[in-house]
Amino acid sequence: MLSSEISMGFNIVITIIFWGILAPQIYQMIIHPPKPAPPAPVCPYTNWMKFECTGAWFLFEMAFVHSMPMINSVVELLSTEMVFLRRDAKWAFLAGIIYMFCDYWGHTVLNGPVYDIPWLNWKAPKWHSWLGYGLQAPVLAGLVWAIAVYTQKKRGFKNGHWIKNGVEEDDEEDGEIGLNASK
């Protein structure tokens, strides 16, 4: 369940950034290519896999890769009785911090930005990128926490266990918390 919580946070952020920032940039590059145009990349395939070198395939792949994880997370949440736990928001925060260092490492390995977006491209001043990626951590934690509040309320989950309809909850003093707490 923790992986679903962290994935949902990342998927929301990634989907918004891709469709709100990167997809319009890609579209503008297609409609208004740079002049002079860069040399066309050489397709490494000569067999039936050659379709992977087409622009149409690139667009399909980008749309699929940046939509299906979010669709999968939503379907998983709606088709199960899963609830997110507010206490797990700290792990989403940690994942956001770890991602910041992974992206910086990718920047150093590639000798250039992984994403050429202002505040996320590691160009001078670098503190902009540290701040840009650093803000991702509380955003992820906030998303997971908000979804936890919503799913717990919507599905009748309180203090670590399910609340049965018509049954008053008065066993908080027994100290049982968690999904598997039972008498």
Protein backbone atom coordinates (compact mmCIF):
# COMPACT_ATOMS: atom_id res chain seq x y z
CA MET A 1 0.00 0.00 0.00
CA LEU A 2 2.88 2.39 0.73
CA SER A 3 4.11 2.03 -2.84
CA SER A 4 0.62 2.93 -4.11
CA GLU A 5 0.59 6.05 -1.94
CA ILE A 6 3.99 7.24 -3.13
CA SER A 7 3.16 6.34 -6.74
CA MET A 8 -0.09 8.30 -6.63
CA GLY A 9 1.73 11.41 -5.43
CA PHE A 10 4.40 11.15 -8.12
CA ASN A 11 1.85 10.27 -10.81
CA ILE A 12 -0.22 13.37 -10.07
CA VAL A 13 2.84 15.63 -10.22
CA ILE A 14 4.32 13.94 -13.31
CA THR A 15 1.03 14.00 -15.23
CA ILE A 16 0.48 17.69 -14.53
CA ILE A 17 4.06 18.65 -15.41
CA PHE A 18 4.13 16.55 -18.58
CA TRP A 19 0.77 17.64 -19.99
CA GLY A 20 1.02 21.21 -18.69
CA ILE A 21 4.66 22.01 -19.54
CA LEU A 22 6.53 19.35 -21.52
CA ALA A 23 3.82 18.34 -24.02
CA PRO A 24 3.26 21.96 -25.15
CA GLN A 25 7.05 22.37 -25.56
CA ILE A 26 7.21 19.19 -27.66
CA TYR A 27 4.23 20.36 -29.72
CA GLN A 28 5.86 23.74 -30.37
CA MET A 29 9.08 22.02 -31.49
CA ILE A 30 7.08 19.89 -33.95
CA ILE A 31 5.07 22.81 -35.32
CA HIS A 32 8.03 25.23 -35.39
CA PRO A 33 11.19 23.15 -35.79
CA PRO A 34 14.51 24.89 -35.16
CA LYS A 35 16.33 26.35 -38.15
CA PRO A 36 18.57 24.94 -39.32
CA ALA A 37 16.99 21.63 -38.50
CA PRO A 38 19.25 19.23 -36.62
CA PRO A 39 20.32 16.11 -38.51
CA ALA A 40 17.81 13.31 -38.34
CA PRO A 41 18.85 10.58 -35.93
CA VAL A 42 19.87 7.30 -37.48
CA CYS A 43 17.35 4.57 -36.76
CA PRO A 44 19.12 1.56 -35.27
CA TYR A 45 16.45 -0.81 -36.56
CA THR A 46 16.24 -2.26 -40.05
CA ASN A 47 13.59 -4.88 -39.31
CA TRP A 48 9.95 -4.66 -38.25
CA MET A 49 10.95 -2.55 -35.21
CA LYS A 50 11.70 0.42 -37.48
CA PHE A 51 8.31 1.92 -36.57
CA GLU A 52 9.85 2.94 -33.22
CA CYS A 53 11.82 5.62 -35.04
CA THR A 54 8.78 7.50 -36.33
CA GLY A 55 7.42 10.72 -34.89
CA ALA A 56 3.97 9.17 -34.52
CA TRP A 57 5.40 6.41 -32.33
CA PHE A 58 7.28 8.97 -30.24
CA LEU A 59 4.08 10.92 -29.59
CA PHE A 60 2.12 7.76 -28.76
CA GLU A 61 4.84 6.54 -26.41
CA MET A 62 5.09 9.88 -24.59
CA ALA A 63 1.30 10.08 -24.19
CA PHE A 64 1.10 6.46 -23.00
CA VAL A 65 4.04 6.66 -20.59
CA HIS A 66 2.76 9.89 -19.05
CA SER A 67 -0.91 8.87 -18.79
CA MET A 68 -1.14 5.17 -17.93
CA PRO A 69 0.54 5.35 -14.50
CA MET A 70 -1.99 7.97 -13.38
CA ILE A 71 -4.87 6.02 -14.88
CA ASN A 72 -3.60 2.86 -13.18
CA SER A 73 -3.32 4.60 -9.79
CA VAL A 74 -6.85 5.97 -10.03
CA VAL A 75 -8.31 2.61 -11.14
CA GLU A 76 -6.48 0.84 -8.30
CA LEU A 77 -7.79 3.30 -5.73
CA LEU A 78 -11.36 3.18 -7.04
CA SER A 79 -11.58 -0.58 -7.56
CA THR A 80 -10.26 -1.62 -4.15
CA GLU A 81 -11.09 -0.77 -0.56
CA MET A 82 -7.63 0.67 -0.09
CA VAL A 83 -7.26 3.73 2.09
CA PHE A 84 -4.19 5.90 2.27
CA LEU A 85 -2.76 6.48 5.73
CA ARG A 86 -1.98 10.02 6.88
CA ARG A 87 1.11 8.78 8.71
CA ASP A 88 2.58 7.58 5.39
CA ALA A 89 2.80 11.12 4.03
CA LYS A 90 6.27 11.33 5.60
CA TRP A 91 7.45 8.55 3.25
CA ALA A 92 6.16 10.47 0.23
CA PHE A 93 8.11 13.48 1.54
CA LEU A 94 11.25 11.34 1.78
CA ALA A 95 10.69 10.00 -1.74
CA GLY A 96 10.52 13.58 -3.03
CA ILE A 97 13.84 14.42 -1.37
CA ILE A 98 15.47 11.26 -2.77
CA TYR A 99 14.14 12.08 -6.24
CA MET A 100 15.82 15.51 -6.05
CA PHE A 101 19.23 13.88 -5.57
CA CYS A 102 18.54 11.28 -8.28
CA ASP A 103 17.70 14.02 -10.77
CA TYR A 104 20.87 15.92 -9.84
CA TRP A 105 22.86 12.71 -10.39
CA GLY A 106 21.16 12.29 -13.79
CA HIS A 107 22.13 15.86 -14.65
CA THR A 108 25.78 15.15 -13.87
CA VAL A 109 25.82 11.87 -15.81
CA LEU A 110 24.12 13.40 -18.87
CA ASN A 111 26.17 16.61 -18.65
CA GLY A 112 22.91 18.49 -19.06
CA PRO A 113 19.41 18.76 -17.66
CA VAL A 114 17.10 15.76 -17.51
CA TYR A 115 14.18 18.19 -17.91
CA ASP A 116 14.88 21.52 -19.56
CA ILE A 117 12.33 23.40 -17.47
CA PRO A 118 13.29 26.63 -15.69
CA TRP A 119 13.87 25.98 -11.98
CA LEU A 120 14.38 22.26 -12.74
CA ASN A 121 17.28 22.29 -15.21
CA TRP A 122 20.27 22.73 -12.83
CA LYS A 123 21.53 25.78 -14.70
CA ALA A 124 22.92 28.74 -12.75
CA PRO A 125 21.89 29.62 -10.17
CA LYS A 126 21.65 26.01 -9.03
CA TRP A 127 19.76 26.90 -5.87
CA HIS A 128 16.71 27.44 -8.10
CA SER A 129 16.72 23.75 -8.98
CA TRP A 130 17.38 22.68 -5.38
CA LEU A 131 14.37 24.77 -4.40
CA GLY A 132 12.25 23.59 -7.34
CA TYR A 133 12.86 19.92 -6.64
CA GLY A 134 12.86 20.49 -2.89
CA LEU A 135 9.31 21.85 -3.09
CA GLN A 136 8.29 18.55 -4.64
CA ALA A 137 8.70 16.78 -1.29
CA PRO A 138 6.04 18.75 0.63
CA VAL A 139 3.77 18.70 -2.43
CA LEU A 140 3.96 14.88 -2.57
CA ALA A 141 3.40 14.63 1.18
CA GLY A 142 0.45 17.02 0.95
CA LEU A 143 -1.14 15.06 -1.89
CA VAL A 144 -0.80 11.75 -0.05
CA TRP A 145 -2.12 13.30 3.17
CA ALA A 146 -5.12 14.86 1.39
CA ILE A 147 -5.98 11.59 -0.39
CA ALA A 148 -5.60 9.78 2.96
CA VAL A 149 -8.08 12.12 4.64
CA TYR A 150 -10.52 11.70 1.77
CA THR A 151 -10.26 7.90 1.44
CA GLN A 152 -10.44 7.32 5.20
CA LYS A 153 -13.55 9.45 5.53
CA LYS A 154 -15.17 8.06 2.39
CA ARG A 155 -14.51 4.41 3.31
CA GLY A 156 -15.18 4.55 7.05
CA PHE A 157 -11.67 4.08 8.41
CA LYS A 158 -10.60 5.62 11.72
CA ASN A 159 -7.81 5.14 14.25
CA GLY A 160 -6.27 2.27 12.32
CA HIS A 161 -9.35 0.14 11.72
CA TRP A 162 -12.61 -0.02 9.84
CA ILE A 163 -15.70 1.45 11.45
CA LYS A 164 -18.74 -0.80 11.11
CA ASN A 165 -22.06 0.84 10.37
CA GLY A 166 -24.18 1.19 13.49
CA VAL A 167 -21.35 0.29 15.90
CA GLU A 168 -20.00 2.97 18.20
CA GLU A 169 -16.24 3.15 18.44
CA ASP A 170 -15.12 3.07 22.08
CA ASP A 171 -12.08 0.80 21.99
CA GLU A 172 -9.45 3.49 21.39
CA GLU A 173 -7.95 2.93 24.82
CA ASP A 174 -6.83 -0.62 24.02
CA GLY A 175 -3.92 0.80 22.00
CA GLU A 176 -4.56 -1.21 18.86
CA ILE A 177 -3.61 0.65 15.75
CA GLY A 178 -2.97 -0.64 12.29
CA LEU A 179 -4.81 -2.57 9.65
CA ASN A 180 -4.50 -5.97 11.30
CA ALA A 181 -5.54 -4.97 14.80
CA SER A 182 -8.30 -7.31 15.91
CA LYS A 183 -9.70 -8.78 19.10
